[in-house]
Amino acid sequence: MSVDASQGFAFLRNLIHWQNRPDGAFIEVLPGAQPVDEQELFRAFLAPGVVNANAATIASHIRERSEGWQRVGKAFEFNDGVAKVLQVKLQDLSASVWIDPPLAREQGRILTADEIKETLKLSGVTHGIDPDLLQMLLRPNCAKGWFDIAVGDPPVDGTDAMIECRVNLEHSSIPEPGEDGTIDFRDRGVLPEVVEGTPIYVKIPGKEAKDGVDLAGNVLAAKKGRDINLIPTEGTRLREGDSYVLEAACDGFLFLGRDGRVNVGRVFNVKGDLDLQVGNIKYHGPVHVGGNVPSGFRIHAGGDITIMGTSENSDLHSSGGSIEIRGGVFGGKIQAAGDMKVAFAHEATLQAGGVLDGGKYLQHCQTRCAVLKFTKGGMVVGGEVLASREVDCDILGTEAGTPTIVNLTDPEEEDARQELERVGAEEKKTGPLRDLLEQKVMALKQRLGTGAQLLGRAREDAEDTLRQYTAITEKFRELQRRKTHAQEILAADRQREGAIVVRKAIYTGVDVHIFGKRFEVADVRPPVKVVVRDREVETQKI
């Protein structure tokens, strides 16, 4: 029989079903298929464009009515001009497959997953094939068209690690006017302080690089990010158990090093004189000034304060340490919780919780300490000394009779005496006003007791009087509480011990008080030591 191209598959599908598999072409003989001439069979395959069909083997299986799928040679190949059931299109890391199920049915062809995979493989696609979509393409009701069958894995480049600063050095500020409206340009802002363990820098790891895979299964190398190591700066350390955190190794303040990185300093160091560029200092740690502290400047520190030069009419306060001023003091107020050492001092207020070393002399100073001594002999000229344990000097007063007060006393008792004086002064000042208001209140009570009513201006005046009387009455109650507390301190039984040592001279004009009692010094001849134990005073030659 003669078979043309339009009838080739129509002829074949009455005899067989066929498949292309990776290992060759397979046929399944249909029930009722009649034997066919080998040449007719070859022309039937050739007509639609199959150029390598093994017609002899296929004809043999049809004659023998072989059951099941039988391999009949290599996979069928088609001429280029034949419409294809399967086609593959590639774009970057994705692959699409064209499938035409109706055309496959016309050809008597049964598509398999292996055939689709093999078609993809011939185009270089072996990776990223969607198995669910693959099964869907094999369904009888699948429509023809392009389907995105495979997607590769693009490489994901890593990102660089970053170092993040967790502290802020922007501490300078514009000084604000004080209560009197003036501006102190020495106030430069707040010194940035940190406590031990505060994170200074934190390393943020970069995103890890992830290699990709193309459609052929080849590795697509991703670009790795740059890593950074945390390198400690001055006063910092890597946190134990966490190499991603650089923390303060001590309590301190923040400053920028020459490399622009943040450092932690323990001692706040001013190389030369304290000036407007540095400004007033408020810091919880120790402070060292390599030069002078000019008039009007303040240093409030939690640790030791060391001044290599002079302090002139300045305010120095160490709330938890000692103070040393090597160049002397000219006015101002110097306070230390611990010891204090000065080269000399003029007209200054000096307060030390421990030993105060006056250097060469103290002249017209207000001094308060536990022990006053002078490493270079020293003298006290004018002013007042209040010491709780000992005063040791060469000279007290001057030949001219400069008034000089030395008070050996318990600090708490002395504070209580001063408190009683303040309370008495306040009572004396406000007493007349209280008496006047009390008279007005009594008059109001008498008037209201007769049934009279207060209206308009009279009512407002009465309310104002009552408010004033209530306020001043409460103030007198507070004064009474303060007075009672001070009296209890003075009445308490406590141990009183101390000594006053004068090695060279005591001049007239010197007034000595020992635990509240005046000590006569007119007949005392240095070198002498006045010792006090439990209110008993003993004078000893040294």
Protein backbone atom coordinates (compact mmCIF):
# COMPACT_ATOMS: atom_id res chain seq x y z
CA MET A 1 0.00 0.00 0.00
CA SER A 2 1.10 3.58 -0.61
CA VAL A 3 1.45 5.78 2.46
CA ASP A 4 2.15 9.52 2.36
CA ALA A 5 3.35 11.82 5.16
CA SER A 6 -0.14 12.86 6.26
CA GLN A 7 -1.16 9.26 6.80
CA GLY A 8 1.96 7.81 8.41
CA PHE A 9 1.07 8.09 12.08
CA ALA A 10 -2.62 7.47 11.31
CA PHE A 11 -1.51 4.13 9.87
CA LEU A 12 0.84 3.33 12.77
CA ARG A 13 -1.51 4.09 15.63
CA ASN A 14 -3.82 1.28 14.47
CA LEU A 15 -0.95 -1.11 15.10
CA ILE A 16 1.18 0.15 17.99
CA HIS A 17 1.77 2.62 20.75
CA TRP A 18 5.36 3.84 21.01
CA GLN A 19 7.68 5.65 23.39
CA ASN A 20 11.12 7.19 23.31
CA ARG A 21 13.06 6.33 26.45
CA PRO A 22 16.64 7.12 27.49
CA ASP A 23 17.72 3.59 26.55
CA GLY A 24 15.89 3.41 23.22
CA ALA A 25 12.56 3.20 21.40
CA PHE A 26 9.81 0.97 22.77
CA ILE A 27 6.55 -0.23 21.20
CA GLU A 28 3.40 -1.85 22.54
CA VAL A 29 1.43 -3.98 20.02
CA LEU A 30 -2.28 -3.16 20.08
CA PRO A 31 -4.88 -5.93 20.37
CA GLY A 32 -6.20 -6.92 16.93
CA ALA A 33 -3.17 -5.55 15.06
CA GLN A 34 -2.71 -7.39 11.73
CA PRO A 35 0.71 -8.35 10.39
CA VAL A 36 2.14 -5.77 8.08
CA ASP A 37 4.80 -5.79 5.41
CA GLU A 38 8.17 -4.55 6.62
CA GLN A 39 8.50 -2.09 3.70
CA GLU A 40 5.06 -0.65 4.35
CA LEU A 41 5.93 -0.23 7.98
CA PHE A 42 9.20 1.53 7.13
CA ARG A 43 7.40 3.95 4.74
CA ALA A 44 4.79 4.63 7.43
CA PHE A 45 7.53 5.75 9.83
CA LEU A 46 9.43 7.63 7.16
CA ALA A 47 6.39 9.59 5.97
CA PRO A 48 6.02 11.65 9.20
CA GLY A 49 9.80 12.05 9.46
CA VAL A 50 11.09 9.15 11.63
CA VAL A 51 14.37 8.31 9.91
CA ASN A 52 15.78 5.46 12.05
CA ALA A 53 12.85 3.15 12.83
CA ASN A 54 13.86 -0.55 12.96
CA ALA A 55 10.97 -1.72 10.77
CA ALA A 56 12.04 -5.37 10.72
CA THR A 57 11.99 -5.73 14.53
CA ILE A 58 8.73 -3.83 14.84
CA ALA A 59 7.07 -5.99 12.11
CA SER A 60 8.28 -9.12 13.91
CA HIS A 61 6.66 -8.06 17.21
CA ILE A 62 3.41 -7.28 15.41
CA ARG A 63 3.36 -10.74 13.72
CA GLU A 64 4.15 -12.45 17.02
CA ARG A 65 1.61 -10.30 18.88
CA SER A 66 4.18 -9.56 21.63
CA GLU A 67 2.70 -8.41 24.89
CA GLY A 68 3.91 -5.42 26.91
CA TRP A 69 6.50 -2.87 25.98
CA GLN A 70 9.29 -4.08 23.74
CA ARG A 71 12.55 -2.33 22.94
CA VAL A 72 12.96 -2.00 19.17
CA GLY A 73 16.26 -0.16 18.86
CA LYS A 74 17.54 3.35 19.36
CA ALA A 75 15.21 6.20 20.21
CA PHE A 76 13.31 7.47 17.19
CA GLU A 77 14.83 10.50 15.50
CA PHE A 78 12.91 13.05 13.43
CA ASN A 79 13.68 15.29 10.49
CA ASP A 80 14.02 18.96 11.38
CA GLY A 81 10.94 19.85 9.41
CA VAL A 82 8.64 17.67 11.50
CA ALA A 83 6.48 19.30 14.19
CA LYS A 84 7.87 18.22 17.56
CA VAL A 85 5.93 17.10 20.59
CA LEU A 86 8.72 18.22 22.93
CA GLN A 87 10.95 21.31 22.70
CA VAL A 88 13.22 23.02 25.25
CA LYS A 89 14.02 26.71 25.65
CA LEU A 90 16.73 28.06 27.98
CA GLN A 91 17.01 31.51 29.50
CA ASP A 92 19.63 32.30 32.17
CA LEU A 93 18.96 29.87 35.03
CA SER A 94 15.53 28.73 33.91
CA ALA A 95 14.30 26.18 31.36
CA SER A 96 10.92 25.91 29.70
CA VAL A 97 9.53 22.90 27.89
CA TRP A 98 7.03 22.89 25.01
CA ILE A 99 4.66 19.97 25.10
CA ASP A 100 1.93 19.09 22.60
CA PRO A 101 -0.17 16.19 24.01
CA PRO A 102 -2.72 16.25 21.12
CA LEU A 103 0.12 15.83 18.62
CA ALA A 104 1.52 12.99 20.71
CA ARG A 105 -1.84 11.21 20.63
CA GLU A 106 -2.03 11.64 16.83
CA GLN A 107 1.37 9.97 16.61
CA GLY A 108 0.30 7.10 18.84
CA ARG A 109 3.00 8.22 21.15
CA ILE A 110 2.81 7.92 24.96
CA LEU A 111 4.97 10.44 26.76
CA THR A 112 6.93 9.44 29.89
CA ALA A 113 8.79 11.35 32.56
CA ASP A 114 12.03 9.72 31.46
CA GLU A 115 11.51 10.94 27.88
CA ILE A 116 10.94 14.51 29.07
CA LYS A 117 14.02 14.32 31.31
CA GLU A 118 16.09 12.94 28.47
CA THR A 119 14.92 15.75 26.18
CA LEU A 120 15.92 18.24 28.86
CA LYS A 121 19.26 16.49 29.34
CA LEU A 122 20.05 16.80 25.63
CA SER A 123 19.67 20.56 26.14
CA GLY A 124 21.94 20.46 29.17
CA VAL A 125 19.22 20.55 31.84
CA THR A 126 19.66 18.06 34.68
CA HIS A 127 19.21 20.18 37.80
CA GLY A 128 16.25 22.02 39.30
CA ILE A 129 13.54 20.06 37.50
CA ASP A 130 10.14 20.45 39.15
CA PRO A 131 8.89 16.88 39.83
CA ASP A 132 5.29 17.96 40.43
CA LEU A 133 5.11 19.85 37.16
CA LEU A 134 6.73 16.89 35.42
CA GLN A 135 3.91 14.61 36.56
CA MET A 136 1.31 17.17 35.57
CA LEU A 137 2.65 17.21 31.98
CA LEU A 138 1.91 13.49 31.72
CA ARG A 139 -1.79 13.83 32.53
CA PRO A 140 -4.22 13.03 29.63
CA ASN A 141 -5.92 16.39 29.96
CA CYS A 142 -2.71 18.43 29.86
CA ALA A 143 -2.94 21.29 27.40
CA LYS A 144 -0.19 22.11 24.96
CA GLY A 145 2.09 25.10 25.60
CA TRP A 146 5.30 26.29 27.29
CA PHE A 147 5.89 25.34 30.91
CA ASP A 148 8.67 26.51 33.24
CA ILE A 149 10.04 23.10 34.11
CA ALA A 150 13.41 23.80 35.75
CA VAL A 151 15.06 26.60 37.72
CA GLY A 152 18.71 26.74 38.79
CA ASP A 153 19.98 28.04 42.13
CA PRO A 154 21.60 31.46 41.67
CA PRO A 155 24.66 32.15 43.81
CA VAL A 156 24.10 34.40 46.81
CA ASP A 157 27.09 36.62 47.45
CA GLY A 158 28.18 37.12 51.03
CA THR A 159 28.18 40.55 52.64
CA ASP A 160 30.99 42.25 54.51
CA ALA A 161 31.14 42.11 58.29
CA MET A 162 30.61 45.49 59.95
CA ILE A 163 31.85 47.13 63.13
CA GLU A 164 29.18 49.19 64.88
CA CYS A 165 30.05 51.78 67.53
CA ARG A 166 27.62 51.61 70.44
CA VAL A 167 28.65 54.77 72.28
CA ASN A 168 28.21 58.47 71.56
CA LEU A 169 30.95 61.05 71.95
CA GLU A 170 28.77 64.02 71.01
CA HIS A 171 28.85 65.51 74.51
CA SER A 172 29.57 69.17 73.88
CA SER A 173 26.71 71.59 74.36
CA ILE A 174 25.97 75.30 74.37
CA PRO A 175 26.01 76.55 77.97
CA GLU A 176 22.64 77.68 79.27
CA PRO A 177 22.11 80.87 81.30
CA GLY A 178 22.19 80.49 85.07
CA GLU A 179 19.61 81.79 87.52
CA ASP A 180 21.19 85.25 87.35
CA GLY A 181 20.98 85.25 83.55
CA THR A 182 24.71 84.98 82.96
CA ILE A 183 26.38 82.28 80.88
CA ASP A 184 29.41 80.36 82.08
CA PHE A 185 31.32 79.42 78.95
CA ARG A 186 33.48 77.10 80.99
CA ASP A 187 30.60 74.59 80.90
CA ARG A 188 31.48 72.60 77.81
CA GLY A 189 28.98 69.80 78.21
CA VAL A 190 28.97 66.37 79.78
CA LEU A 191 32.03 64.15 79.74
CA PRO A 192 30.97 60.84 78.12
CA GLU A 193 31.46 58.23 80.82
CA VAL A 194 31.07 54.46 80.80
CA VAL A 195 31.21 51.69 83.38
CA GLU A 196 33.21 48.52 83.06
CA GLY A 197 31.56 46.07 80.68
CA THR A 198 29.80 48.70 78.55
CA PRO A 199 29.83 47.64 74.86
CA ILE A 200 32.00 50.05 72.85
CA TYR A 201 32.12 48.27 69.48
CA VAL A 202 30.01 45.35 68.28
CA LYS A 203 30.88 43.19 65.30
CA ILE A 204 27.93 42.38 63.04
CA PRO A 205 28.84 39.31 60.97
CA GLY A 206 28.30 39.49 57.25
CA LYS A 207 25.86 37.22 55.46
CA GLU A 208 27.50 33.93 54.53
CA ALA A 209 28.07 33.33 50.82
CA LYS A 210 26.04 30.52 49.25
CA ASP A 211 27.17 28.89 46.02
CA GLY A 212 24.58 28.35 43.33
CA VAL A 213 23.97 25.51 40.86
CA ASP A 214 23.20 25.97 37.17
CA LEU A 215 20.75 23.84 35.14
CA ALA A 216 23.51 21.38 34.32
CA GLY A 217 24.36 20.87 37.99
CA ASN A 218 27.56 22.87 37.84
CA VAL A 219 28.51 24.90 40.91
CA LEU A 220 28.24 28.67 40.53
CA ALA A 221 30.72 30.16 42.98
CA ALA A 222 29.40 33.00 45.14
CA LYS A 223 31.55 35.94 46.18
CA LYS A 224 32.50 35.82 49.83
CA GLY A 225 32.18 38.92 52.04
CA ARG A 226 35.11 40.52 53.80
CA ASP A 227 35.56 39.63 57.47
CA ILE A 228 36.77 42.10 60.10
CA ASN A 229 38.41 41.35 63.42
CA LEU A 230 37.67 43.38 66.54
CA ILE A 231 40.97 44.82 67.76
CA PRO A 232 40.93 46.23 71.32
CA THR A 233 41.74 49.91 71.80
CA GLU A 234 43.09 51.53 74.93
CA GLY A 235 40.95 50.63 77.93
CA THR A 236 38.88 48.01 76.10
CA ARG A 237 38.82 44.24 75.86
CA LEU A 238 37.02 41.46 74.05
CA ARG A 239 34.10 40.23 76.11
CA GLU A 240 34.70 36.84 77.64
CA GLY A 241 32.79 34.22 75.71
CA ASP A 242 31.72 36.66 73.00
CA SER A 243 34.39 37.73 70.52
CA TYR A 244 31.87 39.93 68.73
CA VAL A 245 31.76 42.52 71.55
CA LEU A 246 34.52 44.96 72.49
CA GLU A 247 33.72 46.33 75.95
CA ALA A 248 35.12 48.83 78.42
CA ALA A 249 37.78 47.17 80.56
CA CYS A 250 37.28 49.67 83.40
CA ASP A 251 35.11 52.52 84.57
CA GLY A 252 36.23 55.55 82.62
CA PHE A 253 35.55 58.17 79.97
CA LEU A 254 35.48 57.97 76.19
CA PHE A 255 37.89 59.70 73.84
CA LEU A 256 39.05 59.34 70.25
CA GLY A 257 42.53 58.00 69.58
CA ARG A 258 44.78 59.16 66.77
CA ASP A 259 43.34 56.45 64.52
CA GLY A 260 39.82 57.80 65.07
CA ARG A 261 38.70 54.87 67.18
CA VAL A 262 37.05 55.16 70.58
CA ASN A 263 39.23 54.55 73.63
CA VAL A 264 38.40 54.32 77.32
CA GLY A 265 40.56 56.35 79.68
CA ARG A 266 40.63 55.80 83.43
CA VAL A 267 42.38 59.04 84.37
CA PHE A 268 41.08 62.22 82.73
CA ASN A 269 44.33 63.94 81.83
CA VAL A 270 44.69 67.64 80.97
CA LYS A 271 48.19 68.16 79.61
CA GLY A 272 48.54 71.84 80.46
CA ASP A 273 46.40 74.46 82.14
CA LEU A 274 42.68 73.94 82.40
CA ASP A 275 41.17 76.35 79.87
CA LEU A 276 38.01 77.06 77.91
CA GLN A 277 38.88 74.41 75.35
CA VAL A 278 38.52 71.76 78.05
CA GLY A 279 36.10 73.62 80.29
CA ASN A 280 34.76 72.52 83.64
CA ILE A 281 35.23 68.83 84.41
CA LYS A 282 32.66 66.49 85.90
CA TYR A 283 33.89 62.91 85.94
CA HIS A 284 33.35 59.88 88.16
CA GLY A 285 37.03 58.83 88.02
CA PRO A 286 40.42 60.43 88.73
CA VAL A 287 41.52 63.74 87.14
CA HIS A 288 45.07 64.93 86.46
CA VAL A 289 45.84 68.52 85.40
CA GLY A 290 49.40 69.08 84.20
CA GLY A 291 49.26 72.86 84.72
CA ASN A 292 47.15 75.40 86.62
CA VAL A 293 43.44 75.64 87.35
CA PRO A 294 42.50 79.29 86.68
CA SER A 295 39.89 81.30 88.52
CA GLY A 296 36.28 80.22 88.15
CA PHE A 297 36.84 76.67 86.89
CA ARG A 298 35.30 73.59 88.49
CA ILE A 299 36.50 70.03 88.77
CA HIS A 300 34.07 67.57 90.33
CA ALA A 301 35.52 64.07 90.32
CA GLY A 302 34.70 60.75 91.89
CA GLY A 303 38.38 59.76 92.14
CA ASP A 304 41.64 61.48 93.01
CA ILE A 305 42.38 64.99 91.72
CA THR A 306 45.98 65.96 91.05
CA ILE A 307 46.92 69.53 90.09
CA MET A 308 50.56 69.98 89.09
CA GLY A 309 50.29 73.78 89.17
CA THR A 310 48.23 76.20 91.24
CA SER A 311 44.51 76.46 91.94
CA GLU A 312 43.16 80.01 91.90
CA ASN A 313 39.68 80.72 93.21
CA SER A 314 38.43 77.43 91.75
CA ASP A 315 36.02 74.74 92.92
CA LEU A 316 37.61 71.33 93.31
CA HIS A 317 35.62 68.43 94.72
CA SER A 318 36.57 64.76 94.97
CA SER A 319 33.60 62.77 96.21
CA GLY A 320 35.50 59.50 96.56
CA GLY A 321 39.21 60.22 96.54
CA SER A 322 42.01 62.57 97.57
CA ILE A 323 43.27 65.91 96.25
CA GLU A 324 46.85 67.05 95.74
CA ILE A 325 47.74 70.58 94.58
CA ARG A 326 51.48 70.89 94.11
CA GLY A 327 51.57 74.57 93.26
CA GLY A 328 49.49 75.99 96.08
CA VAL A 329 45.98 77.38 96.50
CA PHE A 330 44.76 80.97 96.12
CA GLY A 331 41.14 81.19 97.24
CA GLY A 332 38.33 78.92 96.16
CA LYS A 333 36.79 75.84 97.72
CA ILE A 334 38.62 72.52 97.86
CA GLN A 335 36.80 69.40 99.13
CA ALA A 336 38.05 65.82 99.31
CA ALA A 337 36.41 62.72 100.75
CA GLY A 338 39.89 61.38 101.53
CA ASP A 339 43.20 63.10 102.16
CA MET A 340 44.37 66.47 100.83
CA LYS A 341 47.83 67.87 100.18
CA VAL A 342 48.68 71.44 99.17
CA ALA A 343 51.96 73.35 98.86
CA PHE A 344 50.33 76.29 100.72
CA ALA A 345 46.97 78.04 100.74
CA HIS A 346 45.69 81.65 100.91
CA GLU A 347 42.11 82.57 101.85
CA ALA A 348 40.67 79.23 100.73
CA THR A 349 38.11 76.82 102.11
CA LEU A 350 39.69 73.42 102.59
CA GLN A 351 37.74 70.32 103.62
CA ALA A 352 39.25 66.83 103.86
CA GLY A 353 37.75 63.65 105.22
CA GLY A 354 41.20 62.40 106.19
CA VAL A 355 44.62 63.99 106.61
CA LEU A 356 45.20 67.52 105.31
CA ASP A 357 48.85 68.31 104.60
CA GLY A 358 49.14 72.11 104.55
CA GLY A 359 52.63 72.20 103.03
CA LYS A 360 54.36 75.44 104.10
CA TYR A 361 51.43 77.35 105.59
CA LEU A 362 47.71 78.06 105.65
CA GLN A 363 46.88 81.77 105.65
CA HIS A 364 43.38 83.02 106.44
CA CYS A 365 41.82 79.72 105.40
CA GLN A 366 38.70 77.95 106.58
CA THR A 367 39.98 74.43 107.19
CA ARG A 368 38.13 71.28 108.17
CA CYS A 369 39.71 67.82 108.39
CA ALA A 370 40.42 64.84 110.61
CA VAL A 371 44.15 65.58 110.93
CA LEU A 372 46.03 68.76 109.99
CA LYS A 373 49.77 68.45 109.59
CA PHE A 374 52.60 70.14 107.73
CA THR A 375 55.36 68.02 106.20
CA LYS A 376 57.61 71.08 105.99
CA GLY A 377 56.94 72.36 109.51
CA GLY A 378 54.32 74.85 108.50
CA MET A 379 52.22 77.46 110.20
CA VAL A 380 48.60 78.48 110.56
CA VAL A 381 48.07 82.21 110.15
CA GLY A 382 44.56 83.57 110.63
CA GLY A 383 41.37 81.84 109.64
CA GLU A 384 39.90 78.84 111.40
CA VAL A 385 40.92 75.20 111.72
CA LEU A 386 38.42 72.52 112.67
CA ALA A 387 40.03 69.11 113.20
CA SER A 388 38.51 65.98 114.70
CA ARG A 389 41.71 64.16 115.77
CA GLU A 390 44.91 66.18 115.57
CA VAL A 391 46.60 69.45 114.64
CA ASP A 392 50.39 69.36 114.24
CA CYS A 393 52.30 72.49 113.17
CA ASP A 394 55.32 74.66 113.97
CA ILE A 395 53.59 78.00 114.50
CA LEU A 396 50.08 79.18 115.39
CA GLY A 397 49.27 82.85 114.72
CA THR A 398 51.60 85.81 114.23
CA GLU A 399 53.47 88.28 116.39
CA ALA A 400 50.96 90.91 115.28
CA GLY A 401 48.19 88.93 116.96
CA THR A 402 46.32 87.85 113.82
CA PRO A 403 43.06 86.23 115.00
CA THR A 404 43.48 82.50 114.51
CA ILE A 405 40.98 79.86 115.68
CA VAL A 406 41.92 76.24 116.26
CA ASN A 407 39.00 73.98 117.10
CA LEU A 408 39.57 70.36 118.11
CA THR A 409 36.11 68.89 117.97
CA ASP A 410 33.91 66.09 116.79
CA PRO A 411 32.67 67.10 113.30
CA GLU A 412 29.14 65.94 114.01
CA GLU A 413 29.04 67.96 117.24
CA GLU A 414 30.41 71.02 115.51
CA ASP A 415 27.79 70.69 112.77
CA ALA A 416 25.15 70.41 115.50
CA ARG A 417 26.39 73.62 117.20
CA GLN A 418 26.33 75.47 113.89
CA GLU A 419 22.87 74.09 113.22
CA LEU A 420 21.63 75.43 116.56
CA GLU A 421 23.02 78.84 115.66
CA ARG A 422 21.26 78.79 112.29
CA VAL A 423 18.00 77.67 113.83
CA GLY A 424 18.21 80.40 116.45
CA ALA A 425 18.86 83.02 113.80
CA GLU A 426 15.88 81.86 111.74
CA GLU A 427 13.59 81.82 114.78
CA LYS A 428 14.66 85.33 115.69
CA LYS A 429 14.05 86.52 112.13
CA THR A 430 10.62 84.96 111.62
CA GLY A 431 9.30 85.17 115.21
CA PRO A 432 7.76 88.67 114.93
CA LEU A 433 5.88 87.72 111.76
CA ARG A 434 4.53 84.57 113.39
CA ASP A 435 3.35 86.56 116.43
CA LEU A 436 1.62 89.11 114.19
CA LEU A 437 -0.14 86.43 112.13
CA GLU A 438 -1.16 84.61 115.27
CA GLN A 439 -2.87 87.76 116.56
CA LYS A 440 -4.74 88.14 113.25
CA VAL A 441 -5.89 84.52 113.33
CA MET A 442 -7.16 84.87 116.91
CA ALA A 443 -9.08 87.99 115.92
CA LEU A 444 -10.65 86.14 112.98
CA LYS A 445 -11.73 83.28 115.23
CA GLN A 446 -13.37 85.70 117.68
CA ARG A 447 -15.18 87.47 114.88
CA LEU A 448 -16.41 84.26 113.30
CA GLY A 449 -17.44 83.01 116.72
CA THR A 450 -20.00 85.79 116.99
CA GLY A 451 -21.70 84.60 113.80
CA ALA A 452 -20.27 87.26 111.53
CA GLN A 453 -19.73 86.50 107.84
CA LEU A 454 -16.79 87.51 105.70
CA LEU A 455 -17.60 88.64 102.18
CA GLY A 456 -15.65 89.98 99.22
CA ARG A 457 -12.31 91.57 100.01
CA ALA A 458 -12.52 90.68 103.69
CA ARG A 459 -12.90 87.01 102.87
CA GLU A 460 -9.88 87.07 100.51
CA ASP A 461 -7.72 88.80 103.17
CA ALA A 462 -8.75 86.25 105.76
CA GLU A 463 -7.89 83.32 103.50
CA ASP A 464 -4.48 84.87 102.70
CA THR A 465 -3.77 85.36 106.42
CA LEU A 466 -4.64 81.73 107.16
CA ARG A 467 -2.38 80.50 104.37
CA GLN A 468 0.54 82.56 105.66
CA TYR A 469 -0.07 81.44 109.24
CA THR A 470 -0.23 77.76 108.20
CA ALA A 471 3.05 78.08 106.26
CA ILE A 472 4.96 79.85 109.05
CA THR A 473 3.61 77.44 111.66
CA GLU A 474 4.90 74.50 109.65
CA LYS A 475 8.24 76.25 109.28
CA PHE A 476 8.52 76.65 113.07
CA ARG A 477 7.71 72.96 113.51
CA GLU A 478 10.55 72.13 111.12
CA LEU A 479 12.90 74.46 113.03
CA GLN A 480 11.94 72.72 116.23
CA ARG A 481 12.69 69.30 114.70
CA ARG A 482 16.12 70.54 113.57
CA LYS A 483 16.84 72.01 117.00
CA THR A 484 15.84 68.78 118.78
CA HIS A 485 18.04 66.69 116.48
CA ALA A 486 21.06 68.96 117.06
CA GLN A 487 20.52 68.93 120.83
CA GLU A 488 20.36 65.11 120.82
CA ILE A 489 23.71 64.95 119.02
CA LEU A 490 25.34 67.30 121.56
CA ALA A 491 23.87 65.37 124.46
CA ALA A 492 25.04 61.99 123.22
CA ASP A 493 27.80 60.24 125.14
CA ARG A 494 30.78 59.69 122.87
CA GLN A 495 34.52 59.18 123.11
CA ARG A 496 36.57 62.34 122.66
CA GLU A 497 40.25 62.01 121.90
CA GLY A 498 42.72 64.22 120.09
CA ALA A 499 45.84 66.33 120.29
CA ILE A 500 47.23 69.71 119.33
CA VAL A 501 50.97 69.86 118.71
CA VAL A 502 52.84 73.20 118.40
CA ARG A 503 56.58 72.86 117.91
CA LYS A 504 57.87 76.45 117.81
CA ALA A 505 55.47 79.26 118.75
CA ILE A 506 51.93 80.19 119.78
CA TYR A 507 51.16 83.89 119.52
CA THR A 508 48.51 86.05 121.07
CA GLY A 509 45.35 86.18 119.01
CA VAL A 510 45.19 82.40 118.81
CA ASP A 511 41.92 81.02 120.16
CA VAL A 512 41.89 77.28 120.92
CA HIS A 513 38.71 75.31 121.60
CA ILE A 514 38.82 71.68 122.64
CA PHE A 515 35.55 69.78 122.29
CA GLY A 516 33.44 72.83 123.00
CA LYS A 517 35.62 74.39 125.73
CA ARG A 518 38.06 77.24 125.35
CA PHE A 519 41.69 76.38 126.12
CA GLU A 520 43.92 79.10 127.54
CA VAL A 521 47.20 79.28 125.68
CA ALA A 522 48.76 82.32 127.31
CA ASP A 523 50.98 80.28 129.61
CA VAL A 524 51.82 77.51 127.14
CA ARG A 525 55.39 77.42 125.87
CA PRO A 526 56.18 75.32 122.78
CA PRO A 527 57.26 72.74 121.92
CA VAL A 528 54.12 71.36 123.45
CA LYS A 529 51.49 68.70 122.90
CA VAL A 530 48.01 69.12 124.30
CA VAL A 531 46.40 65.70 124.60
CA VAL A 532 42.69 65.12 125.22
CA ARG A 533 41.22 61.81 126.41
CA ASP A 534 37.63 61.60 127.58
CA ARG A 535 37.47 65.37 128.23
CA GLU A 536 40.66 65.26 130.31
CA VAL A 537 43.26 67.70 128.96
CA GLU A 538 46.95 67.06 129.49
CA THR A 539 49.81 69.32 128.38
CA GLN A 540 53.05 67.57 127.51
CA LYS A 541 56.46 68.90 126.56
CA ILE A 542 57.97 67.37 123.40
